[in-house]
N, C-alpha and C. Protein backbone atom coordinates (compact mmCIF):
# COMPACT_ATOMS: atom_id res chain seq x y z
N MET A 1 36.45 7.43 12.68
CA MET A 1 36.91 7.48 11.77
C MET A 1 36.91 7.87 10.13
N LYS A 2 36.74 8.73 9.48
CA LYS A 2 36.44 9.48 8.26
C LYS A 2 37.26 9.07 7.34
N ALA A 3 38.52 9.31 7.65
CA ALA A 3 39.56 9.30 6.57
C ALA A 3 40.31 8.58 7.13
N LEU A 4 41.45 7.89 6.66
CA LEU A 4 42.97 7.01 6.57
C LEU A 4 43.84 7.42 5.09
N THR A 5 44.65 7.75 5.80
CA THR A 5 45.91 7.73 4.56
C THR A 5 46.51 6.39 4.46
N ILE A 6 47.08 6.04 3.71
CA ILE A 6 47.87 4.81 3.54
C ILE A 6 48.84 4.98 2.28
N ARG A 7 50.57 5.11 3.20
CA ARG A 7 51.29 5.42 2.67
C ARG A 7 52.24 3.87 2.16
N ASN A 8 53.27 4.32 1.17
CA ASN A 8 54.08 2.94 0.79
C ASN A 8 53.35 1.93 0.13
N ILE A 9 52.30 2.22 -0.35
CA ILE A 9 51.63 0.67 -0.81
C ILE A 9 52.71 0.17 -1.93
N PRO A 10 52.74 -1.48 -1.99
CA PRO A 10 53.77 -1.86 -3.02
C PRO A 10 52.92 -1.71 -4.09
N PRO A 11 53.52 -1.75 -5.13
CA PRO A 11 53.21 -1.86 -6.80
C PRO A 11 52.43 -2.90 -6.88
N ASP A 12 52.66 -4.19 -6.42
CA ASP A 12 51.77 -5.24 -6.77
C ASP A 12 50.11 -5.34 -6.07
N VAL A 13 50.44 -4.47 -4.92
CA VAL A 13 49.12 -4.28 -3.96
C VAL A 13 48.34 -3.42 -5.27
N ALA A 14 48.71 -2.25 -5.48
CA ALA A 14 48.17 -1.17 -6.29
C ALA A 14 47.82 -1.65 -7.56
N ARG A 15 48.75 -2.44 -8.07
CA ARG A 15 48.33 -3.08 -9.24
C ARG A 15 46.60 -3.92 -8.69
N GLU A 16 46.71 -4.48 -8.39
CA GLU A 16 45.18 -5.23 -7.67
C GLU A 16 44.31 -4.47 -7.46
N ILE A 17 44.51 -3.52 -6.44
CA ILE A 17 43.74 -2.62 -6.15
C ILE A 17 42.82 -1.72 -7.35
N LYS A 18 43.67 -1.47 -8.22
CA LYS A 18 43.25 -1.05 -9.69
C LYS A 18 42.36 -1.71 -10.35
N LYS A 19 43.21 -2.98 -10.51
CA LYS A 19 42.55 -4.45 -11.35
C LYS A 19 40.89 -4.63 -10.93
N ARG A 20 41.11 -4.57 -9.61
CA ARG A 20 39.60 -5.00 -8.74
C ARG A 20 38.76 -3.72 -8.91
N SER A 21 39.32 -2.78 -8.65
CA SER A 21 38.56 -1.17 -8.76
C SER A 21 37.87 -0.86 -10.24
N ASP A 22 38.69 -1.48 -11.48
CA ASP A 22 37.97 -1.40 -12.75
C ASP A 22 37.07 -2.88 -13.08
N GLU A 23 37.36 -3.61 -12.49
CA GLU A 23 36.12 -4.58 -12.24
C GLU A 23 35.21 -4.57 -11.54
N SER A 24 35.06 -3.89 -10.96
CA SER A 24 33.91 -3.64 -9.57
C SER A 24 33.22 -2.59 -10.08
N GLY A 25 33.59 -1.52 -11.01
CA GLY A 25 33.26 -0.24 -11.06
C GLY A 25 33.16 0.42 -9.97
N LEU A 26 33.81 0.34 -8.77
CA LEU A 26 33.73 1.08 -7.15
C LEU A 26 35.10 1.89 -7.90
N SER A 27 35.08 3.16 -7.31
CA SER A 27 36.46 3.98 -6.88
C SER A 27 37.62 3.27 -6.19
N ALA A 28 38.66 3.54 -6.49
CA ALA A 28 40.10 2.83 -5.59
C ALA A 28 39.47 2.88 -3.94
N SER A 29 38.97 3.80 -3.68
CA SER A 29 38.58 3.76 -2.33
C SER A 29 37.63 2.98 -1.73
N GLY A 30 36.45 2.91 -2.58
CA GLY A 30 35.31 2.08 -2.27
C GLY A 30 36.00 0.58 -2.73
N THR A 31 36.61 0.26 -3.21
CA THR A 31 37.74 -1.40 -3.41
C THR A 31 38.08 -1.83 -2.10
N ILE A 32 38.90 -0.38 -1.73
CA ILE A 32 39.92 -0.77 -0.78
C ILE A 32 39.01 -1.03 0.63
N ILE A 33 37.94 -0.11 0.93
CA ILE A 33 36.61 -0.52 1.84
C ILE A 33 35.96 -1.84 1.76
N GLU A 34 35.82 -2.33 0.45
CA GLU A 34 35.40 -3.82 0.58
C GLU A 34 36.13 -4.44 0.74
N LEU A 35 37.59 -4.52 0.50
CA LEU A 35 38.36 -5.39 0.74
C LEU A 35 38.65 -5.69 2.27
N VAL A 36 38.50 -4.37 2.99
CA VAL A 36 38.82 -4.22 4.23
C VAL A 36 37.52 -5.47 4.99
N ARG A 37 36.71 -5.22 4.60
CA ARG A 37 35.52 -5.34 5.05
C ARG A 37 35.66 -6.94 5.09
N GLU A 38 35.56 -7.50 4.26
CA GLU A 38 35.25 -8.88 3.58
C GLU A 38 37.08 -9.48 4.72
N ALA A 39 38.20 -8.72 5.30
CA ALA A 39 39.26 -9.08 5.66
C ALA A 39 38.70 -9.08 7.14
N LEU A 40 37.70 -7.96 7.52
CA LEU A 40 37.59 -8.32 8.72
C LEU A 40 36.46 -9.10 9.31
N GLY A 41 35.72 -9.82 8.18
CA GLY A 41 34.21 -10.42 8.26
C GLY A 41 33.12 -9.76 8.59
N LEU A 42 33.34 -8.61 7.97
CA LEU A 42 32.38 -7.76 8.18
C LEU A 42 31.29 -7.78 6.91
N LYS A 43 31.55 -8.08 5.91
CA LYS A 43 31.07 -8.45 4.78
C LYS A 43 30.03 -10.16 4.51
N LYS A 44 28.90 -9.66 4.52
CA LYS A 44 28.24 -11.18 4.25
C LYS A 44 28.63 -11.71 2.87
N ALA A 45 28.89 -13.08 2.87
CA ALA A 45 28.85 -13.60 1.63
C ALA A 45 27.79 -13.50 0.54
N LYS A 46 28.62 -12.65 -0.51
CA LYS A 46 27.38 -12.66 -1.65
C LYS A 46 27.08 -13.77 -2.61
N LYS A 47 26.35 -13.90 -3.09
CA LYS A 47 25.55 -15.12 -4.37
C LYS A 47 26.56 -14.52 -5.34
N ALA A 48 27.34 -15.96 -6.16
CA ALA A 48 27.49 -15.44 -7.21
C ALA A 48 26.40 -15.17 -8.39
N ALA A 49 27.25 -13.95 -9.49
CA ALA A 49 26.42 -13.44 -9.88
C ALA A 49 26.48 -14.61 -10.98
N VAL A 50 25.28 -14.51 -11.66
CA VAL A 50 25.03 -15.43 -12.56
C VAL A 50 25.31 -14.99 -14.06
N VAL A 51 26.16 -15.50 -14.82
CA VAL A 51 26.61 -14.49 -16.11
C VAL A 51 26.01 -15.27 -17.13
N HIS A 52 25.25 -14.59 -17.52
CA HIS A 52 24.89 -15.25 -19.33
C HIS A 52 25.64 -15.25 -20.35
N LYS A 53 25.74 -16.24 -20.94
CA LYS A 53 26.20 -16.34 -22.34
C LYS A 53 25.35 -16.88 -23.63
N ASP A 54 24.24 -16.08 -23.40
CA ASP A 54 23.44 -16.23 -24.70
C ASP A 54 23.53 -15.20 -25.72
N LEU A 55 22.56 -15.30 -26.73
CA LEU A 55 22.72 -14.43 -27.86
C LEU A 55 21.45 -13.51 -27.64
N ASP A 56 21.10 -13.36 -26.67
CA ASP A 56 19.95 -12.46 -26.62
C ASP A 56 19.92 -10.85 -27.18
N PHE A 57 21.65 -10.13 -27.21
CA PHE A 57 21.96 -9.04 -27.64
C PHE A 57 21.70 -9.33 -29.27
N LEU A 58 21.44 -10.38 -30.02
CA LEU A 58 21.33 -10.42 -31.27
C LEU A 58 19.81 -10.12 -31.79
N ILE A 59 18.73 -10.58 -30.54
CA ILE A 59 17.21 -9.97 -31.13
C ILE A 59 17.13 -9.04 -31.98
N GLY A 60 16.36 -8.69 -32.76
CA GLY A 60 15.77 -7.90 -33.57
C GLY A 60 16.98 -6.90 -33.84
N ALA A 61 18.21 -7.62 -34.17
CA ALA A 61 19.22 -6.89 -34.48
C ALA A 61 19.52 -6.83 -36.32
N GLY A 62 18.73 -7.44 -36.73
CA GLY A 62 18.68 -7.78 -38.05
C GLY A 62 17.66 -7.59 -39.06
N THR A 63 18.57 -7.39 -40.39
CA THR A 63 17.43 -6.35 -41.21
C THR A 63 16.05 -7.57 -41.64
N LYS A 64 15.03 -7.17 -42.27
CA LYS A 64 14.07 -8.12 -42.81
C LYS A 64 14.84 -9.31 -43.74
N GLU A 65 15.64 -8.56 -44.67
CA GLU A 65 16.49 -9.53 -45.33
C GLU A 65 17.02 -10.37 -44.97
N GLU A 66 17.92 -10.03 -43.67
CA GLU A 66 18.71 -11.12 -43.19
C GLU A 66 18.03 -12.09 -42.28
N ILE A 67 16.76 -11.36 -41.76
CA ILE A 67 15.92 -12.70 -41.02
C ILE A 67 15.39 -13.33 -42.32
N SER A 68 14.78 -13.04 -43.26
CA SER A 68 14.09 -13.92 -44.32
C SER A 68 15.52 -14.64 -44.66
N GLU A 69 16.45 -14.49 -44.98
CA GLU A 69 17.72 -15.58 -45.42
C GLU A 69 17.82 -16.67 -44.21
N MET A 70 17.85 -15.98 -42.85
CA MET A 70 18.35 -16.55 -41.68
C MET A 70 16.89 -17.65 -41.81
N LYS A 71 15.77 -17.55 -42.10
CA LYS A 71 15.01 -18.30 -42.17
C LYS A 71 14.79 -19.51 -43.21
N GLU A 72 14.94 -19.21 -43.97
CA GLU A 72 15.02 -20.27 -45.13
C GLU A 72 15.93 -21.13 -44.87
N GLY A 73 17.34 -20.98 -44.39
CA GLY A 73 18.11 -21.58 -43.88
C GLY A 73 18.12 -22.49 -43.20
N LEU A 74 17.55 -21.86 -41.91
CA LEU A 74 17.26 -22.65 -41.05
C LEU A 74 16.02 -24.39 -41.27
N ALA A 75 14.96 -23.48 -42.60
CA ALA A 75 14.07 -24.13 -42.61
C ALA A 75 14.36 -25.97 -43.28
N GLY A 76 15.69 -26.12 -44.04
CA GLY A 76 15.76 -27.13 -44.01
C GLY A 76 16.17 -28.11 -43.06
N GLN A 77 16.83 -27.51 -41.76
CA GLN A 77 17.15 -28.21 -40.87
C GLN A 77 16.54 -28.39 -39.92
N ARG A 78 14.83 -27.89 -39.77
CA ARG A 78 13.78 -27.82 -39.49
C ARG A 78 12.67 -29.68 -39.79
N ARG A 79 13.28 -29.92 -40.90
CA ARG A 79 12.48 -30.77 -41.70
C ARG A 79 12.81 -32.16 -40.99
N VAL A 80 11.94 -32.66 -40.55
CA VAL A 80 12.22 -34.06 -40.25
C VAL A 80 12.51 -35.66 -41.29
N ASP A 81 13.23 -36.39 -41.15
CA ASP A 81 13.59 -37.37 -41.97
C ASP A 81 12.93 -38.60 -41.65
N PRO A 82 11.70 -39.05 -42.12
CA PRO A 82 11.45 -39.96 -41.24
C PRO A 82 11.85 -41.68 -41.14
N GLU A 83 12.86 -41.55 -41.88
CA GLU A 83 13.62 -42.52 -42.01
C GLU A 83 14.69 -42.62 -40.74
N ASP A 84 14.96 -41.54 -40.06
CA ASP A 84 15.53 -41.26 -38.87
C ASP A 84 15.00 -41.71 -37.45
N TRP A 85 13.57 -41.89 -37.64
CA TRP A 85 12.68 -42.30 -36.33
C TRP A 85 12.28 -43.78 -36.58
N GLU A 86 13.14 -44.40 -37.71
CA GLU A 86 12.30 -45.88 -37.35
C GLU A 86 13.28 -46.65 -36.62
């Protein structure tokens, strides 16, 4: 079967399909195919994507002046007070 027309899709189902389509980057048709594959047990379990919440996007984003200012600010935090280690 190459094509299938589905009529009278309830509004809540249409909203969820649209939401999942937007989240996955798939078309509505692709999203529906994935949902049917899952429901029929034809899709292998996918490992959860690793979501990094780090600050890598900031690397190289500063000017030389900003980086110098940041290094000066961090210098005080990097000093070790010998009394703290007694």
